[in-house]
Protein backbone atom coordinates (compact mmCIF):
# COMPACT_ATOMS: atom_id res chain seq x y z
CA MET A 1 -15.48 -24.91 47.88
CA SER A 2 -14.41 -28.48 48.69
CA ALA A 3 -13.19 -31.00 46.11
CA ILE A 4 -16.45 -32.98 46.36
CA ASP A 5 -18.50 -29.81 45.85
CA ARG A 6 -16.48 -28.99 42.74
CA GLN A 7 -17.03 -32.53 41.49
CA ILE A 8 -20.80 -32.28 42.03
CA GLU A 9 -20.83 -28.93 40.25
CA SER A 10 -18.98 -30.51 37.33
CA ILE A 11 -21.46 -33.41 37.27
CA TYR A 12 -24.32 -30.93 37.23
CA ARG A 13 -22.87 -29.16 34.19
CA GLN A 14 -22.17 -32.45 32.44
CA HIS A 15 -25.27 -34.50 33.27
CA SER A 16 -28.14 -32.27 34.47
CA ARG A 17 -29.80 -31.95 31.04
CA ARG A 18 -29.57 -35.69 30.50
CA VAL A 19 -31.02 -36.37 33.97
CA LEU A 20 -33.84 -33.89 33.39
CA ALA A 21 -34.71 -35.35 29.99
CA THR A 22 -35.11 -38.83 31.50
CA LEU A 23 -37.07 -37.58 34.51
CA ILE A 24 -39.54 -35.82 32.21
CA ARG A 25 -40.18 -39.16 30.54
CA LEU A 26 -40.46 -41.03 33.84
CA VAL A 27 -42.75 -38.61 35.71
CA GLY A 28 -44.54 -37.14 32.71
CA ASP A 29 -44.35 -33.45 33.64
CA PHE A 30 -41.76 -30.72 32.98
CA THR A 31 -42.18 -28.78 36.22
CA LEU A 32 -42.30 -31.85 38.41
CA ALA A 33 -39.20 -33.28 36.69
CA GLU A 34 -37.27 -30.04 37.30
CA GLU A 35 -38.20 -30.10 41.00
CA ALA A 36 -37.27 -33.77 41.26
CA MET A 37 -33.90 -33.15 39.62
CA GLN A 38 -33.10 -30.30 42.01
CA GLU A 39 -34.04 -32.51 44.96
CA ALA A 40 -31.83 -35.29 43.59
CA PHE A 41 -28.81 -32.98 43.38
CA ALA A 42 -29.59 -31.66 46.88
CA ALA A 43 -29.55 -35.27 48.09
CA ALA A 44 -26.22 -35.80 46.35
CA VAL A 45 -24.74 -32.80 48.15
CA GLN A 46 -25.85 -34.35 51.45
CA GLN A 47 -24.88 -37.97 50.80
CA TRP A 48 -21.89 -38.08 48.46
CA PRO A 49 -19.35 -36.44 50.79
CA GLY A 50 -19.81 -39.39 53.17
CA GLU A 51 -20.63 -42.18 50.72
CA GLY A 52 -18.44 -41.15 47.82
CA VAL A 53 -19.47 -40.29 44.26
CA PRO A 54 -21.19 -43.27 42.57
CA ASP A 55 -19.58 -44.96 39.59
CA ASN A 56 -22.56 -43.84 37.48
CA PRO A 57 -23.64 -40.50 38.96
CA ALA A 58 -26.26 -39.84 36.25
CA ALA A 59 -28.04 -43.14 36.99
CA TRP A 60 -27.93 -42.40 40.74
CA LEU A 61 -29.45 -38.96 40.17
CA ILE A 62 -32.16 -40.36 37.88
CA ARG A 63 -33.15 -42.97 40.46
CA ALA A 64 -33.14 -40.43 43.28
CA GLY A 65 -35.11 -37.94 41.23
CA HIS A 66 -37.60 -40.58 40.15
CA ARG A 67 -38.29 -41.60 43.75
CA ARG A 68 -38.84 -37.98 44.73
CA GLY A 69 -41.06 -37.45 41.70
CA ILE A 70 -43.24 -40.41 42.70
CA ASP A 71 -43.49 -39.04 46.25
CA GLN A 72 -44.49 -35.63 44.92
CA ILE A 73 -47.20 -37.10 42.68
CA ARG A 74 -48.68 -39.10 45.56
CA ARG A 75 -48.67 -36.12 47.92
CA ARG A 76 -50.11 -33.67 45.42
CA GLN A 77 -52.74 -35.94 43.96
CA THR A 78 -54.47 -35.58 47.31
CA ALA A 79 -54.84 -31.88 46.59
CA ARG A 80 -55.72 -32.72 42.96
CA GLN A 81 -52.50 -31.15 41.71
CA TYR A 82 -50.87 -33.45 39.13
CA ALA A 83 -54.07 -35.50 39.11
CA HIS A 84 -53.51 -35.94 35.38
CA LEU A 85 -50.46 -38.11 36.07
CA VAL A 86 -50.33 -41.81 36.71
CA VAL A 87 -48.03 -42.85 39.56
CA PRO A 88 -45.09 -44.61 37.86
CA ASP A 89 -43.98 -48.07 38.82
CA GLU A 90 -41.11 -47.70 41.30
CA ALA A 91 -39.45 -50.75 39.76
CA GLU A 92 -38.82 -48.65 36.67
CA ALA A 93 -36.34 -46.58 38.67
CA VAL A 94 -34.27 -49.66 39.43
CA GLU A 95 -33.82 -51.03 35.91
CA LEU A 96 -32.78 -48.02 33.83
CA ASP A 97 -32.67 -48.56 30.09
CA CYS A 98 -29.39 -46.99 28.90
CA GLU A 99 -30.60 -46.74 25.32
CA ALA A 100 -33.82 -45.03 26.43
CA ILE A 101 -31.83 -42.57 28.55
CA GLU A 102 -29.66 -41.70 25.55
CA ASP A 103 -32.76 -41.12 23.45
CA ASP A 104 -34.35 -38.91 26.12
CA GLN A 105 -32.31 -35.90 25.05
CA LEU A 106 -33.66 -36.32 21.54
CA ARG A 107 -37.19 -36.65 22.93
CA LEU A 108 -36.75 -33.45 24.91
CA LEU A 109 -35.35 -31.53 21.93
CA PHE A 110 -38.17 -32.61 19.61
CA THR A 111 -40.77 -31.81 22.28
CA CYS A 112 -39.35 -28.32 22.88
CA CYS A 113 -39.34 -27.74 19.10
CA HIS A 114 -42.79 -29.19 18.40
CA PRO A 115 -44.60 -27.34 15.57
CA GLY A 116 -47.62 -26.98 17.87
CA LEU A 117 -45.67 -24.33 19.77
CA ALA A 118 -45.02 -20.83 18.46
CA MET A 119 -41.43 -20.24 17.35
CA PRO A 120 -40.59 -17.77 20.20
CA ALA A 121 -41.84 -20.37 22.68
CA ARG A 122 -39.76 -23.11 21.02
CA VAL A 123 -36.58 -21.03 21.28
CA ALA A 124 -37.21 -20.00 24.90
CA LEU A 125 -38.16 -23.52 25.99
CA THR A 126 -35.14 -25.03 24.24
CA LEU A 127 -32.77 -22.59 25.94
CA ARG A 128 -34.40 -23.27 29.31
CA GLU A 129 -34.73 -27.05 29.17
CA MET A 130 -32.06 -28.23 26.72
CA CYS A 131 -29.36 -25.67 27.54
CA GLY A 132 -30.13 -25.31 31.25
CA LEU A 133 -30.20 -21.50 31.21
CA THR A 134 -32.18 -19.80 33.96
CA THR A 135 -35.25 -17.79 32.97
CA GLU A 136 -33.25 -14.62 33.60
CA GLN A 137 -30.43 -15.85 31.35
CA VAL A 138 -32.89 -16.75 28.59
CA ALA A 139 -34.46 -13.30 28.87
CA SER A 140 -31.04 -11.66 28.67
CA ALA A 141 -30.05 -13.78 25.67
CA LEU A 142 -33.27 -12.95 23.83
CA LEU A 143 -33.27 -9.30 24.97
CA GLN A 144 -36.68 -9.66 26.58
CA LYS A 145 -38.15 -9.12 30.04
CA PRO A 146 -37.82 -12.07 32.43
CA THR A 147 -41.55 -11.93 33.17
CA THR A 148 -42.35 -12.20 29.46
CA VAL A 149 -40.04 -15.18 29.01
CA ALA A 150 -41.31 -16.87 32.18
CA GLN A 151 -44.92 -16.58 30.98
CA ARG A 152 -43.96 -17.88 27.54
CA ILE A 153 -42.24 -20.93 29.04
CA VAL A 154 -45.13 -21.66 31.41
CA ARG A 155 -47.67 -21.41 28.57
CA ALA A 156 -45.53 -23.69 26.40
CA LYS A 157 -45.34 -26.35 29.12
CA ARG A 158 -49.07 -26.07 29.71
CA LYS A 159 -49.77 -26.52 26.02
CA ILE A 160 -47.52 -29.58 25.87
CA ARG A 161 -49.53 -31.05 28.74
CA ASP A 162 -53.03 -30.01 27.67
CA ALA A 163 -52.58 -30.77 23.97
CA GLY A 164 -51.02 -34.13 24.74
CA ILE A 165 -47.88 -33.34 22.72
CA PRO A 166 -46.03 -36.67 22.79
CA TYR A 167 -42.65 -36.91 24.45
CA GLU A 168 -41.02 -38.87 21.67
CA VAL A 169 -38.71 -38.80 18.69
CA PRO A 170 -40.82 -38.79 15.52
CA GLY A 171 -40.93 -42.00 13.54
CA ALA A 172 -39.16 -42.41 10.21
CA ASP A 173 -42.26 -41.31 8.31
CA GLU A 174 -42.61 -38.07 10.29
CA LEU A 175 -38.94 -37.24 10.84
CA PRO A 176 -38.29 -35.54 7.46
CA GLU A 177 -41.09 -33.09 8.24
CA ARG A 178 -40.10 -32.46 11.87
CA LEU A 179 -36.30 -32.32 11.67
CA PRO A 180 -36.05 -28.99 9.78
CA GLY A 181 -37.99 -27.26 12.57
CA VAL A 182 -35.56 -28.56 15.18
CA LEU A 183 -32.55 -27.48 13.11
CA ARG A 184 -34.11 -24.07 12.62
CA VAL A 185 -34.46 -23.54 16.38
CA ILE A 186 -30.82 -24.52 16.95
CA TYR A 187 -29.70 -22.17 14.17
CA LEU A 188 -31.83 -19.33 15.57
CA VAL A 189 -30.12 -19.80 18.92
CA PHE A 190 -26.72 -19.75 17.17
CA ASN A 191 -27.52 -16.68 15.09
CA GLU A 192 -28.78 -14.75 18.10
CA GLY A 193 -25.41 -15.42 19.71
CA TYR A 194 -23.24 -15.04 16.60
CA SER A 195 -24.80 -11.82 15.38
CA ARG A 196 -26.86 -10.21 18.10
CA SER A 197 -30.06 -8.52 16.93
CA ASP A 198 -29.45 -5.75 19.46
CA GLY A 199 -27.01 -4.69 22.13
CA ASP A 200 -23.38 -3.66 22.15
CA ALA A 201 -21.54 -6.94 21.60
CA VAL A 202 -20.77 -8.68 18.31
CA VAL A 203 -20.98 -12.21 19.76
CA ASP A 204 -22.69 -13.85 22.74
CA VAL A 205 -20.26 -16.73 23.25
CA ASN A 206 -22.57 -18.63 25.61
CA LEU A 207 -25.43 -18.85 23.10
CA VAL A 208 -23.06 -19.88 20.32
CA ALA A 209 -21.57 -22.61 22.51
CA GLU A 210 -25.01 -23.92 23.52
CA ALA A 211 -26.18 -24.11 19.91
CA ILE A 212 -23.04 -25.99 18.88
CA ARG A 213 -23.39 -28.32 21.86
CA MET A 214 -27.01 -29.12 20.92
CA ALA A 215 -26.00 -29.80 17.32
CA GLU A 216 -23.13 -32.05 18.44
CA SER A 217 -25.54 -34.05 20.62
CA LEU A 218 -28.02 -34.27 17.77
CA ALA A 219 -25.31 -35.40 15.34
CA ARG A 220 -24.29 -38.22 17.69
CA LEU A 221 -27.86 -39.35 18.33
CA LEU A 222 -29.38 -38.75 14.91
CA PRO A 223 -26.95 -39.21 12.00
CA GLU A 224 -28.52 -37.14 9.21
CA GLY A 225 -26.82 -35.15 6.46
CA GLU A 226 -28.40 -31.81 7.35
CA VAL A 227 -27.57 -32.28 11.03
CA TYR A 228 -23.93 -32.66 9.99
CA GLY A 229 -24.29 -29.68 7.65
CA LEU A 230 -25.68 -27.41 10.38
CA LEU A 231 -22.93 -28.42 12.80
CA ALA A 232 -20.28 -27.78 10.12
CA LEU A 233 -21.80 -24.38 9.32
CA MET A 234 -21.78 -23.24 12.95
CA LEU A 235 -18.26 -24.50 13.62
CA LEU A 236 -16.88 -22.79 10.49
CA HIS A 237 -18.54 -19.48 11.33
CA ASP A 238 -17.55 -19.61 14.99
CA ALA A 239 -13.93 -20.36 14.03
CA ARG A 240 -13.68 -16.74 12.82
CA ARG A 241 -14.97 -15.31 16.10
CA ALA A 242 -11.67 -13.92 17.43
CA ALA A 243 -11.15 -11.83 14.28
CA ARG A 244 -14.70 -10.43 13.97
CA ALA A 245 -14.17 -7.58 16.42
CA ASP A 246 -11.18 -5.42 17.29
CA ALA A 247 -9.83 -4.67 20.76
CA GLY A 248 -12.46 -1.94 21.18
CA GLY A 249 -15.32 -4.28 20.30
CA ASP A 250 -15.87 -2.77 16.87
CA LEU A 251 -16.89 -4.91 13.90
CA VAL A 252 -14.17 -6.06 11.48
CA THR A 253 -15.43 -7.05 8.02
CA LEU A 254 -14.34 -10.28 6.37
CA ASP A 255 -12.00 -8.55 3.93
CA ARG A 256 -10.08 -6.88 6.78
CA GLN A 257 -9.96 -9.75 9.28
CA ASP A 258 -6.62 -11.08 10.49
CA ARG A 259 -6.91 -14.67 9.29
CA SER A 260 -4.09 -15.81 11.54
CA ARG A 261 -6.60 -15.37 14.39
CA TRP A 262 -9.04 -17.85 12.88
CA ASP A 263 -9.26 -21.15 14.78
CA ARG A 264 -7.71 -23.53 12.26
CA ALA A 265 -8.27 -26.60 14.41
CA GLN A 266 -11.99 -25.81 14.60
CA ILE A 267 -12.06 -25.17 10.84
CA ASP A 268 -10.60 -28.64 10.29
CA VAL A 269 -13.32 -30.18 12.47
CA GLY A 270 -15.99 -28.19 10.63
CA VAL A 271 -14.67 -29.37 7.26
CA GLN A 272 -14.75 -32.98 8.50
CA TRP A 273 -18.43 -32.63 9.42
CA LEU A 274 -19.05 -30.97 6.05
CA GLU A 275 -17.50 -33.94 4.24
CA LEU A 276 -19.87 -36.26 6.10
CA ALA A 277 -22.77 -34.00 5.14
CA LEU A 278 -21.77 -33.90 1.47
CA ALA A 279 -21.58 -37.70 1.41
CA ALA A 280 -25.25 -37.80 2.43
CA THR A 281 -26.61 -36.46 -0.86
CA PRO A 282 -28.53 -34.49 -1.89
CA ALA A 283 -26.99 -31.50 -0.13
CA GLY A 284 -29.53 -29.48 1.86
CA PRO A 285 -29.50 -25.75 2.66
CA TYR A 286 -27.32 -26.00 5.78
CA THR A 287 -24.79 -28.12 3.92
CA LEU A 288 -24.69 -25.60 1.07
CA GLN A 289 -24.20 -22.73 3.52
CA ALA A 290 -21.43 -24.70 5.22
CA SER A 291 -19.83 -25.21 1.80
CA ILE A 292 -19.82 -21.42 1.31
CA ALA A 293 -18.28 -20.91 4.76
CA ALA A 294 -15.64 -23.52 3.91
CA GLU A 295 -14.66 -21.61 0.77
CA HIS A 296 -13.96 -18.53 2.89
CA ALA A 297 -12.06 -20.66 5.41
CA ARG A 298 -9.86 -22.21 2.71
CA ALA A 299 -8.73 -18.87 1.27
CA ALA A 300 -5.40 -17.79 2.76
CA ARG A 301 -6.22 -14.19 1.79
CA TYR A 302 -9.48 -12.44 0.97
CA GLU A 303 -8.20 -11.95 -2.58
CA ASP A 304 -7.80 -15.73 -2.95
CA THR A 305 -11.50 -16.43 -2.36
CA ASP A 306 -13.11 -18.56 -5.07
CA TRP A 307 -16.05 -16.24 -5.74
CA ALA A 308 -17.14 -18.16 -8.84
CA ARG A 309 -17.75 -21.28 -6.74
CA ILE A 310 -19.46 -19.22 -4.03
CA VAL A 311 -21.83 -17.77 -6.63
CA ARG A 312 -22.68 -21.28 -7.84
CA LEU A 313 -23.33 -22.41 -4.27
CA TYR A 314 -25.61 -19.43 -3.63
CA GLU A 315 -27.49 -20.20 -6.83
CA ALA A 316 -28.02 -23.79 -5.66
CA LEU A 317 -29.08 -22.53 -2.24
CA TYR A 318 -31.52 -20.03 -3.77
CA ARG A 319 -33.17 -22.80 -5.76
CA GLN A 320 -33.88 -24.59 -2.48
CA GLN A 321 -34.70 -21.50 -0.41
CA PRO A 322 -35.62 -18.54 -2.63
CA SER A 323 -35.35 -15.88 0.09
CA PRO A 324 -34.40 -12.20 -0.33
CA VAL A 325 -31.45 -12.58 2.06
CA ILE A 326 -29.95 -15.37 -0.04
CA ALA A 327 -30.52 -13.28 -3.16
CA LEU A 328 -28.73 -10.39 -1.43
CA ASN A 329 -25.73 -12.56 -0.56
CA ARG A 330 -25.62 -13.94 -4.11
CA ALA A 331 -25.60 -10.39 -5.51
CA VAL A 332 -22.64 -9.46 -3.31
CA ALA A 333 -20.80 -12.60 -4.46
CA VAL A 334 -21.53 -11.73 -8.10
CA ALA A 335 -20.09 -8.25 -7.47
CA MET A 336 -16.92 -9.83 -6.12
CA ARG A 337 -16.70 -12.29 -9.01
CA ASP A 338 -17.44 -9.69 -11.71
CA THR A 339 -17.83 -5.96 -10.97
CA PRO A 340 -19.69 -3.79 -8.41
CA ALA A 341 -22.01 -2.66 -11.22
CA ASP A 342 -23.10 -6.27 -11.84
CA GLY A 343 -23.93 -6.73 -8.18
CA LEU A 344 -25.77 -3.40 -8.01
CA ARG A 345 -28.00 -4.36 -10.93
CA LEU A 346 -29.11 -7.45 -8.99
CA LEU A 347 -29.68 -5.42 -5.82
CA ASP A 348 -31.60 -2.70 -7.65
CA ALA A 349 -33.95 -5.38 -8.99
CA MET A 350 -34.86 -6.22 -5.36
CA THR A 351 -35.93 -2.73 -4.27
CA GLY A 352 -39.60 -3.55 -4.78
CA GLN A 353 -39.52 -6.22 -2.07
CA LYS A 354 -40.82 -4.74 1.19
CA GLU A 355 -39.04 -7.14 3.54
CA ILE A 356 -35.63 -6.46 2.05
CA VAL A 357 -35.81 -2.66 1.84
CA HIS A 358 -36.25 -2.53 5.63
CA TYR A 359 -33.19 -4.73 6.17
CA HIS A 360 -30.15 -2.66 7.12
CA LEU A 361 -27.66 -5.08 5.54
CA PHE A 362 -29.34 -4.62 2.14
CA HIS A 363 -28.57 -0.91 2.23
CA ALA A 364 -25.11 -1.54 3.71
CA ALA A 365 -24.35 -3.86 0.78
CA ARG A 366 -25.57 -1.28 -1.77
CA ALA A 367 -23.47 1.37 -0.03
CA ASP A 368 -20.36 -0.77 -0.18
CA LEU A 369 -20.81 -1.56 -3.88
CA HIS A 370 -21.44 2.12 -4.69
CA ARG A 371 -18.28 2.95 -2.71
CA ARG A 372 -16.28 0.37 -4.66
CA ALA A 373 -17.71 1.77 -7.91
CA GLY A 374 -16.60 5.30 -6.94
CA ASP A 375 -20.11 6.81 -6.52
CA ARG A 376 -19.66 8.56 -3.17
CA ASP A 377 -23.04 10.32 -3.15
CA ALA A 378 -24.99 7.11 -3.74
CA ALA A 379 -22.81 5.33 -1.18
CA ARG A 380 -23.44 8.05 1.42
CA HIS A 381 -27.20 7.89 0.90
CA ALA A 382 -27.21 4.09 1.25
CA TYR A 383 -24.99 4.17 4.36
CA GLU A 384 -27.32 6.72 5.97
CA ARG A 385 -30.32 4.49 5.20
CA ALA A 386 -28.53 1.47 6.68
CA LEU A 387 -27.59 3.47 9.78
CA ALA A 388 -31.21 4.51 10.29
CA LEU A 389 -32.25 0.83 10.36
CA ALA A 390 -29.33 -0.71 12.30
CA VAL A 391 -29.75 -1.28 16.05
CA GLN A 392 -26.63 -3.25 17.04
CA GLY A 393 -23.96 -1.02 18.54
CA PRO A 394 -20.94 -2.40 16.65
CA GLU A 395 -22.81 -2.30 13.33
CA ARG A 396 -23.87 1.31 13.90
CA ARG A 397 -20.30 2.32 14.73
CA PHE A 398 -19.05 0.50 11.61
CA LEU A 399 -21.52 2.38 9.38
CA GLU A 400 -20.60 5.67 11.02
CA ARG A 401 -16.91 4.96 10.31
CA ARG A 402 -17.66 4.22 6.67
CA LEU A 403 -19.56 7.51 6.36
CA ALA A 404 -16.62 9.35 7.93
CA GLU A 405 -14.21 7.65 5.52
CA LEU A 406 -16.35 8.83 2.58
CA ASP A 407 -16.22 12.40 3.85
CA SER A 408 -12.45 12.29 4.44
CA SER A 409 -11.80 10.82 0.98
CA ALA A 410 -13.94 13.55 -0.59
């Protein structure tokens, strides 16, 4: 590969999503914009080796893509394809509004995450359009068939077109209602990478990196407390990545992790974002979760963890989002602050909730507290229940090891 080819490849990685976002606005159609962008990069491969790379390659690509988009609309309107589009004014391609281009990434993100789309479609479309993953890569990330994902993306684009979903950032009056949905999609992408719902790996680094990248872009373009809080949360969790699995790929729990392997520089950055989030009161759920992650990050040893503060943070979080999973995490924190019996009483009170009793981590938590309390029989029963529900390879192997440890200690 020549030096110019490597430079074009680097420009593609750095600018393609930005170019695509602007072309969608200029030509008014997702599919057409993608084709126009590919044609623009193909033109760059042909022209730049002789002409040199422009000072502003993104602007060059946008102009080239816009011209090709206009040509496509004119050709295909004859066959009534893209008849719904109005041919843009070619002069618009000459005078590019830098501020509008910067906002185009926000427009694309809010369009992909529009509440008119089903959540699976939002996640798939965001990975495809915002992150630049191929359909096959999206399918692999979401553990689904490529044909299923392709159909979901096509239907989502069609709905955006047919329903007239606006390609815009919501106004100040609508933003408080729309922003949580966008943050939720980003966090779903992160969680699918950070703790895979299936498969044999603890972390999918690519998904984690894409979610953090989206949050960083959003934080630059839309300074909001919860945006900062989500970015802080993801950075603080991801900073522990190297210690979460051993050399064999098996899960290592927080109490046994080698904290010297945590990325302290990334923790510092995460704490800085958290401080910005805390300054934008009141603290929202992502900021509270980031505060909990920061408490773990600050503790030099597991034994030094400030469990009393973590319990208070979980109580504040539960008041905002009274979910069974938050209640589960609070119960575990109470057990660490007080005794395993105190945590078990809280968990036992949740056994009537259908959604939690089918959650493998609920039974894994009960097993661990029974183990700490010295009740091996109850611990074994709970570990077996958790194992029956777990699907991720490393988690299954971890539960099997804990069962073996119970038997050996007996």
